[in-house]
């Protein structure tokens, strides 16, 4: 192959793709089981919130409704991301999971704002709340959420879509804890203000937990370098390889969760053997930075713009 031509090594390998498919299938099963749990208890909590006149329970039920929608969206995105893409979508459908994670993060923040508005109104005129019923339902909701967290735990590492679903369930579990605390204060001391105050705390926790998810999703969609990866360090590592004169047009990005990409133009020193240098760079990038999807264009010294075959 001529030195000035595009010399690329594209991955993931067959084994890497097989591993991703296996993890995706396991994640879909986790999402489906958690979705069934959340949908069932959402109805229970909503009815109980109306009967007990508890904003904390209704806020928790509303958040659980968002959980159901978020889990359904995550499940669809997980399925769609691994469908055969149309020919014009050269990176496949992988970004569907990132879009789902971004929607989930934005939805959580919107729900928190609605909780703040309703809580403010209730602080001005706290209504009567049936604390015993509120506490019983909140305890049941906590158990359901803990079960969901346990089911989703194994799939949340390295997958923004699964982490978004897990965060929804986590914040709902926090909401259940808050509802239990508010119910105790109302039941034991008659402190009706505990209900809207707890709702505000739930809203703050929702925003705190969802903000990073939203930021990371946007970072991926903007083709930023993968989080935790130093671009200067990658450039220096490639430049340090024997036979490399310089590196330019270096790009690092996340294609999808667990699938990072790298492309670069590498200028070779005089008498460097392109095939040897390319193989060493590819192996180094895989071993040191864990990147399998690489496109390296090797160029001779002195080339200014478009590469030419020599």
C-alpha atoms as a PDB file:
ATOM      1  CA  UNK A   1       0.000   0.000   0.000  1.00  0.00           C
ATOM      2  CA  UNK A   2       1.377   3.454  -0.846  1.00  0.00           C
ATOM      3  CA  UNK A   3       2.649   5.491   2.072  1.00  0.00           C
ATOM      4  CA  UNK A   4       0.498   8.492   1.202  1.00  0.00           C
ATOM      5  CA  UNK A   5      -2.790   6.629   1.015  1.00  0.00           C
ATOM      6  CA  UNK A   6      -5.367   6.158   3.741  1.00  0.00           C
ATOM      7  CA  UNK A   7      -4.168   3.270   5.829  1.00  0.00           C
ATOM      8  CA  UNK A   8      -6.841   2.288   8.321  1.00  0.00           C
ATOM      9  CA  UNK A   9      -7.570  -0.360  10.850  1.00  0.00           C
ATOM     10  CA  UNK A  10     -11.251  -0.466  11.716  1.00  0.00           C
ATOM     11  CA  UNK A  11     -12.744  -2.201  14.742  1.00  0.00           C
ATOM     12  CA  UNK A  12     -14.443  -3.400  16.884  1.00  0.00           C
ATOM     13  CA  UNK A  13     -13.353  -6.934  16.236  1.00  0.00           C
ATOM     14  CA  UNK A  14     -15.873  -9.747  15.900  1.00  0.00           C
ATOM     15  CA  UNK A  15     -15.317 -10.765  19.534  1.00  0.00           C
ATOM     16  CA  UNK A  16     -15.736  -7.174  20.759  1.00  0.00           C
ATOM     17  CA  UNK A  17     -18.996  -6.863  18.807  1.00  0.00           C
ATOM     18  CA  UNK A  18     -20.206 -10.192  20.195  1.00  0.00           C
ATOM     19  CA  UNK A  19     -19.479  -9.017  23.748  1.00  0.00           C
ATOM     20  CA  UNK A  20     -21.387  -5.763  23.154  1.00  0.00           C
ATOM     21  CA  UNK A  21     -24.375  -7.682  21.780  1.00  0.00           C
ATOM     22  CA  UNK A  22     -24.392 -10.025  24.785  1.00  0.00           C
ATOM     23  CA  UNK A  23     -24.282  -7.106  27.238  1.00  0.00           C
ATOM     24  CA  UNK A  24     -27.030  -5.345  25.320  1.00  0.00           C
ATOM     25  CA  UNK A  25     -29.318  -8.397  25.503  1.00  0.00           C
ATOM     26  CA  UNK A  26     -28.711  -8.697  29.246  1.00  0.00           C
ATOM     27  CA  UNK A  27     -29.432  -4.987  29.706  1.00  0.00           C
ATOM     28  CA  UNK A  28     -32.735  -5.303  27.860  1.00  0.00           C
ATOM     29  CA  UNK A  29     -33.826  -8.075  30.213  1.00  0.00           C
ATOM     30  CA  UNK A  30     -32.907  -5.899  33.212  1.00  0.00           C
ATOM     31  CA  UNK A  31     -34.836  -2.948  31.828  1.00  0.00           C
ATOM     32  CA  UNK A  32     -37.926  -5.031  31.076  1.00  0.00           C
ATOM     33  CA  UNK A  33     -38.069  -6.514  34.597  1.00  0.00           C
ATOM     34  CA  UNK A  34     -37.611  -3.095  36.225  1.00  0.00           C
ATOM     35  CA  UNK A  35     -40.210  -1.527  33.916  1.00  0.00           C
ATOM     36  CA  UNK A  36     -42.820  -4.093  35.012  1.00  0.00           C
ATOM     37  CA  UNK A  37     -42.108  -3.388  38.697  1.00  0.00           C
ATOM     38  CA  UNK A  38     -42.227   0.402  38.309  1.00  0.00           C
ATOM     39  CA  UNK A  39     -45.416   0.445  36.224  1.00  0.00           C
ATOM     40  CA  UNK A  40     -47.274  -1.706  38.744  1.00  0.00           C
ATOM     41  CA  UNK A  41     -46.346   0.313  41.776  1.00  0.00           C
ATOM     42  CA  UNK A  42     -46.787   3.665  40.041  1.00  0.00           C
ATOM     43  CA  UNK A  43     -50.529   3.061  39.896  1.00  0.00           C
ATOM     44  CA  UNK A  44     -50.613   2.065  43.581  1.00  0.00           C
ATOM     45  CA  UNK A  45     -48.671   5.139  44.665  1.00  0.00           C
ATOM     46  CA  UNK A  46     -50.749   7.536  42.568  1.00  0.00           C
ATOM     47  CA  UNK A  47     -54.036   6.280  44.014  1.00  0.00           C
ATOM     48  CA  UNK A  48     -52.603   6.375  47.543  1.00  0.00           C
ATOM     49  CA  UNK A  49     -51.292   9.898  47.013  1.00  0.00           C
ATOM     50  CA  UNK A  50     -54.794  11.097  46.125  1.00  0.00           C
ATOM     51  CA  UNK A  51     -56.410   9.238  49.030  1.00  0.00           C
ATOM     52  CA  UNK A  52     -53.851  10.523  51.564  1.00  0.00           C
ATOM     53  CA  UNK A  53     -53.649  14.028  50.007  1.00  0.00           C
ATOM     54  CA  UNK A  54     -49.833  13.762  50.105  1.00  0.00           C
ATOM     55  CA  UNK A  55     -47.754  15.858  47.704  1.00  0.00           C
ATOM     56  CA  UNK A  56     -44.669  13.809  48.576  1.00  0.00           C
ATOM     57  CA  UNK A  57     -46.452  10.639  47.449  1.00  0.00           C
ATOM     58  CA  UNK A  58     -47.863  12.310  44.341  1.00  0.00           C
ATOM     59  CA  UNK A  59     -44.405  13.740  43.561  1.00  0.00           C
ATOM     60  CA  UNK A  60     -42.952  10.282  43.998  1.00  0.00           C
ATOM     61  CA  UNK A  61     -45.703   8.798  41.813  1.00  0.00           C
ATOM     62  CA  UNK A  62     -45.011  11.456  39.183  1.00  0.00           C
ATOM     63  CA  UNK A  63     -41.341  10.631  39.330  1.00  0.00           C
ATOM     64  CA  UNK A  64     -42.208   6.953  39.036  1.00  0.00           C
ATOM     65  CA  UNK A  65     -44.265   7.817  35.955  1.00  0.00           C
ATOM     66  CA  UNK A  66     -41.134   9.394  34.540  1.00  0.00           C
ATOM     67  CA  UNK A  67     -39.305   6.198  35.544  1.00  0.00           C
ATOM     68  CA  UNK A  68     -41.758   4.128  33.519  1.00  0.00           C
ATOM     69  CA  UNK A  69     -41.365   6.440  30.516  1.00  0.00           C
ATOM     70  CA  UNK A  70     -37.584   6.556  30.976  1.00  0.00           C
ATOM     71  CA  UNK A  71     -37.286   2.785  31.301  1.00  0.00           C
ATOM     72  CA  UNK A  72     -39.489   2.291  28.236  1.00  0.00           C
ATOM     73  CA  UNK A  73     -37.356   4.792  26.304  1.00  0.00           C
ATOM     74  CA  UNK A  74     -34.145   3.126  27.478  1.00  0.00           C
ATOM     75  CA  UNK A  75     -35.505  -0.290  26.507  1.00  0.00           C
ATOM     76  CA  UNK A  76     -36.476   0.950  23.042  1.00  0.00           C
ATOM     77  CA  UNK A  77     -33.120   2.712  22.568  1.00  0.00           C
ATOM     78  CA  UNK A  78     -31.214  -0.396  23.666  1.00  0.00           C
ATOM     79  CA  UNK A  79     -33.139  -2.460  21.101  1.00  0.00           C
ATOM     80  CA  UNK A  80     -32.941   0.117  18.320  1.00  0.00           C
ATOM     81  CA  UNK A  81     -29.233   0.851  18.810  1.00  0.00           C
ATOM     82  CA  UNK A  82     -28.357  -2.670  17.709  1.00  0.00           C
ATOM     83  CA  UNK A  83     -30.734  -2.925  14.772  1.00  0.00           C
ATOM     84  CA  UNK A  84     -29.141  -3.136  11.304  1.00  0.00           C
ATOM     85  CA  UNK A  85     -28.717   0.513  10.235  1.00  0.00           C
ATOM     86  CA  UNK A  86     -29.557   1.961   6.803  1.00  0.00           C
ATOM     87  CA  UNK A  87     -26.604   2.275   4.470  1.00  0.00           C
ATOM     88  CA  UNK A  88     -26.303   6.060   4.929  1.00  0.00           C
ATOM     89  CA  UNK A  89     -25.937   5.741   8.718  1.00  0.00           C
ATOM     90  CA  UNK A  90     -22.300   4.673   8.626  1.00  0.00           C
ATOM     91  CA  UNK A  91     -21.847   4.682  12.427  1.00  0.00           C
ATOM     92  CA  UNK A  92     -24.948   2.573  12.966  1.00  0.00           C
ATOM     93  CA  UNK A  93     -27.731   3.356  15.453  1.00  0.00           C
ATOM     94  CA  UNK A  94     -25.501   3.352  18.536  1.00  0.00           C
ATOM     95  CA  UNK A  95     -26.156   7.000  19.393  1.00  0.00           C
ATOM     96  CA  UNK A  96     -29.837   6.187  20.037  1.00  0.00           C
ATOM     97  CA  UNK A  97     -28.822   5.156  23.554  1.00  0.00           C
ATOM     98  CA  UNK A  98     -27.007   8.455  24.093  1.00  0.00           C
ATOM     99  CA  UNK A  99     -30.072  10.394  22.925  1.00  0.00           C
ATOM    100  CA  UNK A 100     -32.230   8.392  25.350  1.00  0.00           C
ATOM    101  CA  UNK A 101     -29.854   9.213  28.200  1.00  0.00           C
ATOM    102  CA  UNK A 102     -30.005  12.924  27.341  1.00  0.00           C
ATOM    103  CA  UNK A 103     -33.817  12.889  27.219  1.00  0.00           C
ATOM    104  CA  UNK A 104     -33.930  11.103  30.573  1.00  0.00           C
ATOM    105  CA  UNK A 105     -31.627  13.672  32.170  1.00  0.00           C
ATOM    106  CA  UNK A 106     -33.651  16.596  30.804  1.00  0.00           C
ATOM    107  CA  UNK A 107     -36.928  14.977  31.904  1.00  0.00           C
ATOM    108  CA  UNK A 108     -35.641  14.561  35.458  1.00  0.00           C
ATOM    109  CA  UNK A 109     -34.759  18.251  35.696  1.00  0.00           C
ATOM    110  CA  UNK A 110     -38.181  19.257  34.314  1.00  0.00           C
ATOM    111  CA  UNK A 111     -39.923  17.053  36.905  1.00  0.00           C
ATOM    112  CA  UNK A 112     -37.872  18.628  39.696  1.00  0.00           C
ATOM    113  CA  UNK A 113     -38.981  22.112  38.607  1.00  0.00           C
ATOM    114  CA  UNK A 114     -42.649  21.052  38.691  1.00  0.00           C
ATOM    115  CA  UNK A 115     -42.144  19.628  42.187  1.00  0.00           C
ATOM    116  CA  UNK A 116     -40.647  22.952  43.353  1.00  0.00           C
ATOM    117  CA  UNK A 117     -43.653  24.908  42.042  1.00  0.00           C
ATOM    118  CA  UNK A 118     -46.220  22.674  43.740  1.00  0.00           C
ATOM    119  CA  UNK A 119     -44.228  22.530  46.982  1.00  0.00           C
ATOM    120  CA  UNK A 120     -44.045  26.340  47.115  1.00  0.00           C
ATOM    121  CA  UNK A 121     -47.824  26.564  46.827  1.00  0.00           C
ATOM    122  CA  UNK A 122     -48.326  23.978  49.560  1.00  0.00           C
ATOM    123  CA  UNK A 123     -45.905  25.696  51.923  1.00  0.00           C
ATOM    124  CA  UNK A 124     -48.173  28.739  51.876  1.00  0.00           C
ATOM    125  CA  UNK A 125     -51.208  26.642  52.818  1.00  0.00           C
ATOM    126  CA  UNK A 126     -50.299  23.095  53.959  1.00  0.00           C
ATOM    127  CA  UNK A 127     -53.269  20.710  53.421  1.00  0.00           C
ATOM    128  CA  UNK A 128     -54.240  17.836  55.695  1.00  0.00           C
ATOM    129  CA  UNK A 129     -52.288  14.645  54.991  1.00  0.00           C
ATOM    130  CA  UNK A 130     -53.035  11.060  56.096  1.00  0.00           C
ATOM    131  CA  UNK A 131     -49.602  10.192  57.444  1.00  0.00           C
ATOM    132  CA  UNK A 132     -50.178   6.486  58.178  1.00  0.00           C
ATOM    133  CA  UNK A 133     -51.368   5.653  54.649  1.00  0.00           C
ATOM    134  CA  UNK A 134     -48.625   7.833  53.189  1.00  0.00           C
ATOM    135  CA  UNK A 135     -45.935   5.968  55.137  1.00  0.00           C
ATOM    136  CA  UNK A 136     -47.241   2.506  54.265  1.00  0.00           C
ATOM    137  CA  UNK A 137     -47.260   3.219  50.554  1.00  0.00           C
ATOM    138  CA  UNK A 138     -43.873   4.942  50.688  1.00  0.00           C
ATOM    139  CA  UNK A 139     -42.327   1.883  52.355  1.00  0.00           C
ATOM    140  CA  UNK A 140     -43.732  -0.312  49.587  1.00  0.00           C
ATOM    141  CA  UNK A 141     -42.346   2.090  46.978  1.00  0.00           C
ATOM    142  CA  UNK A 142     -38.926   1.957  48.578  1.00  0.00           C
ATOM    143  CA  UNK A 143     -38.906  -1.846  48.405  1.00  0.00           C
ATOM    144  CA  UNK A 144     -39.883  -1.748  44.722  1.00  0.00           C
ATOM    145  CA  UNK A 145     -37.156   0.795  43.969  1.00  0.00           C
ATOM    146  CA  UNK A 146     -34.513  -1.192  45.830  1.00  0.00           C
ATOM    147  CA  UNK A 147     -35.450  -4.232  43.772  1.00  0.00           C
ATOM    148  CA  UNK A 148     -35.129  -2.153  40.584  1.00  0.00           C
ATOM    149  CA  UNK A 149     -31.723  -0.838  41.637  1.00  0.00           C
ATOM    150  CA  UNK A 150     -30.523  -4.376  42.272  1.00  0.00           C
ATOM    151  CA  UNK A 151     -31.751  -5.536  38.850  1.00  0.00           C
ATOM    152  CA  UNK A 152     -30.170  -2.611  36.949  1.00  0.00           C
ATOM    153  CA  UNK A 153     -26.921  -2.466  38.920  1.00  0.00           C
ATOM    154  CA  UNK A 154     -25.037  -4.951  36.753  1.00  0.00           C
ATOM    155  CA  UNK A 155     -25.592  -2.974  33.540  1.00  0.00           C
ATOM    156  CA  UNK A 156     -24.957   0.624  34.583  1.00  0.00           C
ATOM    157  CA  UNK A 157     -21.144   0.610  34.343  1.00  0.00           C
ATOM    158  CA  UNK A 158     -19.932   2.056  31.045  1.00  0.00           C
ATOM    159  CA  UNK A 159     -23.404   2.571  29.559  1.00  0.00           C
ATOM    160  CA  UNK A 160     -25.014   6.019  29.751  1.00  0.00           C
ATOM    161  CA  UNK A 161     -28.416   4.704  28.729  1.00  0.00           C
ATOM    162  CA  UNK A 162     -28.465   2.129  31.545  1.00  0.00           C
ATOM    163  CA  UNK A 163     -27.044   4.658  33.983  1.00  0.00           C
ATOM    164  CA  UNK A 164     -29.824   7.066  33.099  1.00  0.00           C
ATOM    165  CA  UNK A 165     -32.408   4.401  33.880  1.00  0.00           C
ATOM    166  CA  UNK A 166     -30.590   3.479  37.108  1.00  0.00           C
ATOM    167  CA  UNK A 167     -30.495   7.142  38.166  1.00  0.00           C
ATOM    168  CA  UNK A 168     -34.235   7.449  37.640  1.00  0.00           C
ATOM    169  CA  UNK A 169     -34.819   4.513  39.970  1.00  0.00           C
ATOM    170  CA  UNK A 170     -32.224   5.766  42.484  1.00  0.00           C
ATOM    171  CA  UNK A 171     -33.788   9.198  42.765  1.00  0.00           C
ATOM    172  CA  UNK A 172     -37.196   7.573  43.116  1.00  0.00           C
ATOM    173  CA  UNK A 173     -35.817   5.469  45.975  1.00  0.00           C
ATOM    174  CA  UNK A 174     -34.573   8.687  47.574  1.00  0.00           C
ATOM    175  CA  UNK A 175     -38.055  10.100  47.096  1.00  0.00           C
ATOM    176  CA  UNK A 176     -39.537   7.110  48.893  1.00  0.00           C
ATOM    177  CA  UNK A 177     -37.133   7.647  51.806  1.00  0.00           C
ATOM    178  CA  UNK A 178     -38.177  11.300  51.918  1.00  0.00           C
ATOM    179  CA  UNK A 179     -41.849  10.386  51.836  1.00  0.00           C
ATOM    180  CA  UNK A 180     -41.328   7.969  54.747  1.00  0.00           C
ATOM    181  CA  UNK A 181     -39.589  10.676  56.783  1.00  0.00           C
ATOM    182  CA  UNK A 182     -42.348  13.193  56.027  1.00  0.00           C
ATOM    183  CA  UNK A 183     -45.046  10.668  56.902  1.00  0.00           C
ATOM    184  CA  UNK A 184     -43.418   9.986  60.276  1.00  0.00           C
ATOM    185  CA  UNK A 185     -43.220  13.700  61.087  1.00  0.00           C
ATOM    186  CA  UNK A 186     -46.857  14.213  60.114  1.00  0.00           C
ATOM    187  CA  UNK A 187     -48.079  11.085  61.901  1.00  0.00           C
ATOM    188  CA  UNK A 188     -46.143  11.683  65.144  1.00  0.00           C
ATOM    189  CA  UNK A 189     -46.075  15.486  65.407  1.00  0.00           C
ATOM    190  CA  UNK A 190     -48.654  16.793  62.954  1.00  0.00           C
ATOM    191  CA  UNK A 191     -46.011  18.799  61.045  1.00  0.00           C
ATOM    192  CA  UNK A 192     -47.862  19.271  57.758  1.00  0.00           C
ATOM    193  CA  UNK A 193     -45.035  21.421  56.371  1.00  0.00           C
ATOM    194  CA  UNK A 194     -42.827  18.317  56.308  1.00  0.00           C
ATOM    195  CA  UNK A 195     -44.612  17.109  53.156  1.00  0.00           C
ATOM    196  CA  UNK A 196     -43.734  20.049  50.832  1.00  0.00           C
ATOM    197  CA  UNK A 197     -40.281  20.509  52.421  1.00  0.00           C
ATOM    198  CA  UNK A 198     -39.486  16.857  51.736  1.00  0.00           C
ATOM    199  CA  UNK A 199     -40.691  17.316  48.169  1.00  0.00           C
ATOM    200  CA  UNK A 200     -38.237  20.193  47.701  1.00  0.00           C
ATOM    201  CA  UNK A 201     -35.381  18.041  48.993  1.00  0.00           C
ATOM    202  CA  UNK A 202     -36.427  15.273  46.594  1.00  0.00           C
ATOM    203  CA  UNK A 203     -36.337  17.797  43.734  1.00  0.00           C
ATOM    204  CA  UNK A 204     -32.832  18.935  44.693  1.00  0.00           C
ATOM    205  CA  UNK A 205     -31.616  15.334  44.750  1.00  0.00           C
ATOM    206  CA  UNK A 206     -33.178  14.733  41.335  1.00  0.00           C
ATOM    207  CA  UNK A 207     -31.339  17.711  39.820  1.00  0.00           C
ATOM    208  CA  UNK A 208     -28.047  16.762  41.468  1.00  0.00           C
ATOM    209  CA  UNK A 209     -28.163  13.180  40.192  1.00  0.00           C
ATOM    210  CA  UNK A 210     -29.324  14.011  36.663  1.00  0.00           C
ATOM    211  CA  UNK A 211     -27.062  16.966  35.866  1.00  0.00           C
ATOM    212  CA  UNK A 212     -23.928  14.910  35.203  1.00  0.00           C
ATOM    213  CA  UNK A 213     -25.878  12.416  33.091  1.00  0.00           C
ATOM    214  CA  UNK A 214     -27.138  15.281  30.929  1.00  0.00           C
ATOM    215  CA  UNK A 215     -23.650  16.823  30.688  1.00  0.00           C
ATOM    216  CA  UNK A 216     -22.026  13.523  29.680  1.00  0.00           C
ATOM    217  CA  UNK A 217     -24.708  12.831  27.070  1.00  0.00           C
ATOM    218  CA  UNK A 218     -24.204  16.243  25.495  1.00  0.00           C
ATOM    219  CA  UNK A 219     -20.435  15.718  25.592  1.00  0.00           C
ATOM    220  CA  UNK A 220     -20.784  12.505  23.558  1.00  0.00           C
ATOM    221  CA  UNK A 221     -23.169  14.101  21.059  1.00  0.00           C
ATOM    222  CA  UNK A 222     -20.734  17.019  20.627  1.00  0.00           C
ATOM    223  CA  UNK A 223     -17.980  14.503  19.768  1.00  0.00           C
ATOM    224  CA  UNK A 224     -15.808  15.582  22.677  1.00  0.00           C
ATOM    225  CA  UNK A 225     -12.889  13.375  23.636  1.00  0.00           C
ATOM    226  CA  UNK A 226     -13.952  10.492  25.912  1.00  0.00           C
ATOM    227  CA  UNK A 227     -14.156  11.555  29.544  1.00  0.00           C
ATOM    228  CA  UNK A 228     -10.967  10.814  31.423  1.00  0.00           C
ATOM    229  CA  UNK A 229      -8.879  10.627  28.246  1.00  0.00           C
ATOM    230  CA  UNK A 230      -6.144  13.232  27.809  1.00  0.00           C
ATOM    231  CA  UNK A 231      -5.779  14.261  24.148  1.00  0.00           C
ATOM    232  CA  UNK A 232      -2.275  15.644  24.696  1.00  0.00           C
ATOM    233  CA  UNK A 233      -1.212  12.351  26.268  1.00  0.00           C
ATOM    234  CA  UNK A 234      -2.517  10.382  23.268  1.00  0.00           C
ATOM    235  CA  UNK A 235      -0.740  12.722  20.865  1.00  0.00           C
ATOM    236  CA  UNK A 236       2.522  12.404  22.802  1.00  0.00           C
ATOM    237  CA  UNK A 237       2.236   8.619  22.895  1.00  0.00           C
ATOM    238  CA  UNK A 238       1.812   8.399  19.115  1.00  0.00           C
ATOM    239  CA  UNK A 239       4.632  10.898  18.509  1.00  0.00           C
ATOM    240  CA  UNK A 240       6.958   8.856  20.725  1.00  0.00           C
ATOM    241  CA  UNK A 241       6.640   5.758  18.539  1.00  0.00           C
ATOM    242  CA  UNK A 242       9.820   4.989  16.534  1.00  0.00           C
ATOM    243  CA  UNK A 243       9.547   6.232  12.966  1.00  0.00           C
ATOM    244  CA  UNK A 244       6.979   8.959  13.741  1.00  0.00           C
ATOM    245  CA  UNK A 245       7.980  12.534  12.934  1.00  0.00           C
ATOM    246  CA  UNK A 246       4.761  14.280  13.991  1.00  0.00           C
ATOM    247  CA  UNK A 247       0.993  13.910  14.434  1.00  0.00           C
ATOM    248  CA  UNK A 248      -1.756  16.226  13.217  1.00  0.00           C
ATOM    249  CA  UNK A 249      -5.544  16.180  12.743  1.00  0.00           C
ATOM    250  CA  UNK A 250      -5.920  13.981  15.819  1.00  0.00           C
ATOM    251  CA  UNK A 251      -9.534  13.299  16.751  1.00  0.00           C
ATOM    252  CA  UNK A 252     -10.887  11.329  19.698  1.00  0.00           C
ATOM    253  CA  UNK A 253     -14.586  10.742  20.282  1.00  0.00           C
ATOM    254  CA  UNK A 254     -17.122   8.332  21.741  1.00  0.00           C
ATOM    255  CA  UNK A 255     -19.200   6.531  19.137  1.00  0.00           C
ATOM    256  CA  UNK A 256     -21.322   4.830  21.786  1.00  0.00           C
ATOM    257  CA  UNK A 257     -20.894   3.496  25.287  1.00  0.00           C
ATOM    258  CA  UNK A 258     -17.836   1.237  25.334  1.00  0.00           C
ATOM    259  CA  UNK A 259     -16.912   2.132  21.738  1.00  0.00           C
ATOM    260  CA  UNK A 260     -14.388   4.957  21.342  1.00  0.00           C
ATOM    261  CA  UNK A 261     -12.936   6.165  18.067  1.00  0.00           C
ATOM    262  CA  UNK A 262      -9.613   7.711  17.033  1.00  0.00           C
ATOM    263  CA  UNK A 263      -8.408   9.163  13.758  1.00  0.00           C
ATOM    264  CA  UNK A 264      -5.084  10.861  13.048  1.00  0.00           C
ATOM    265  CA  UNK A 265      -2.596  11.792  10.363  1.00  0.00           C
ATOM    266  CA  UNK A 266       0.879  10.508  11.199  1.00  0.00           C
ATOM    267  CA  UNK A 267       3.930  11.961   9.425  1.00  0.00           C
ATOM    268  CA  UNK A 268       6.701   9.381   9.034  1.00  0.00           C
ATOM    269  CA  UNK A 269      10.423   9.940   9.327  1.00  0.00           C
ATOM    270  CA  UNK A 270      12.724   9.212   6.418  1.00  0.00           C
ATOM    271  CA  UNK A 271      13.214   5.476   5.778  1.00  0.00           C
ATOM    272  CA  UNK A 272      10.386   4.516   8.219  1.00  0.00           C
ATOM    273  CA  UNK A 273       8.476   1.398   7.178  1.00  0.00           C
ATOM    274  CA  UNK A 274       4.807   2.426   7.174  1.00  0.00           C
ATOM    275  CA  UNK A 275       3.429  -1.069   7.863  1.00  0.00           C
ATOM    276  CA  UNK A 276       5.632  -1.553  10.929  1.00  0.00           C
ATOM    277  CA  UNK A 277       4.896   1.911  12.332  1.00  0.00           C
ATOM    278  CA  UNK A 278       1.154   1.507  11.739  1.00  0.00           C
ATOM    279  CA  UNK A 279       1.049  -1.854  13.483  1.00  0.00           C
ATOM    280  CA  UNK A 280       2.946  -0.503  16.510  1.00  0.00           C
ATOM    281  CA  UNK A 281       0.675   2.564  16.792  1.00  0.00           C
ATOM    282  CA  UNK A 282      -2.470   0.453  16.571  1.00  0.00           C
ATOM    283  CA  UNK A 283      -1.234  -1.973  19.230  1.00  0.00           C
ATOM    284  CA  UNK A 284      -0.116   0.850  21.526  1.00  0.00           C
ATOM    285  CA  UNK A 285      -3.467   2.684  21.246  1.00  0.00           C
ATOM    286  CA  UNK A 286      -5.338  -0.505  22.069  1.00  0.00           C
ATOM    287  CA  UNK A 287      -3.111  -1.545  24.991  1.00  0.00           C
ATOM    288  CA  UNK A 288      -2.614   1.870  26.573  1.00  0.00           C
ATOM    289  CA  UNK A 289      -5.898   3.648  25.882  1.00  0.00           C
ATOM    290  CA  UNK A 290      -8.340   0.809  25.185  1.00  0.00           C
ATOM    291  CA  UNK A 291      -9.365   2.150  21.757  1.00  0.00           C
ATOM    292  CA  UNK A 292     -10.143  -0.435  19.081  1.00  0.00           C
ATOM    293  CA  UNK A 293     -11.798   1.700  16.402  1.00  0.00           C
ATOM    294  CA  UNK A 294      -8.833   3.512  14.806  1.00  0.00           C
ATOM    295  CA  UNK A 295      -8.214   5.188  11.470  1.00  0.00           C
ATOM    296  CA  UNK A 296      -4.560   6.168  10.934  1.00  0.00           C
ATOM    297  CA  UNK A 297      -3.398   7.945   7.775  1.00  0.00           C
ATOM    298  CA  UNK A 298       0.362   7.762   7.312  1.00  0.00           C
ATOM    299  CA  UNK A 299       2.108  10.478   5.334  1.00  0.00           C
ATOM    300  CA  UNK A 300       5.694  11.110   4.201  1.00  0.00           C
ATOM    301  CA  UNK A 301       7.677  14.073   5.476  1.00  0.00           C
ATOM    302  CA  UNK A 302       7.201  17.260   3.479  1.00  0.00           C
ATOM    303  CA  UNK A 303       3.601  16.568   2.506  1.00  0.00           C
ATOM    304  CA  UNK A 304       1.685  19.839   2.859  1.00  0.00           C
ATOM    305  CA  UNK A 305      -1.922  19.248   1.991  1.00  0.00           C
ATOM    306  CA  UNK A 306      -3.423  16.309   0.111  1.00  0.00           C
ATOM    307  CA  UNK A 307      -1.462  13.063   0.392  1.00  0.00           C
ATOM    308  CA  UNK A 308      -0.101  11.581  -2.823  1.00  0.00           C
ATOM    309  CA  UNK A 309       0.947   8.028  -3.546  1.00  0.00           C
ATOM    310  CA  UNK A 310       4.716   7.485  -3.655  1.00  0.00           C
END
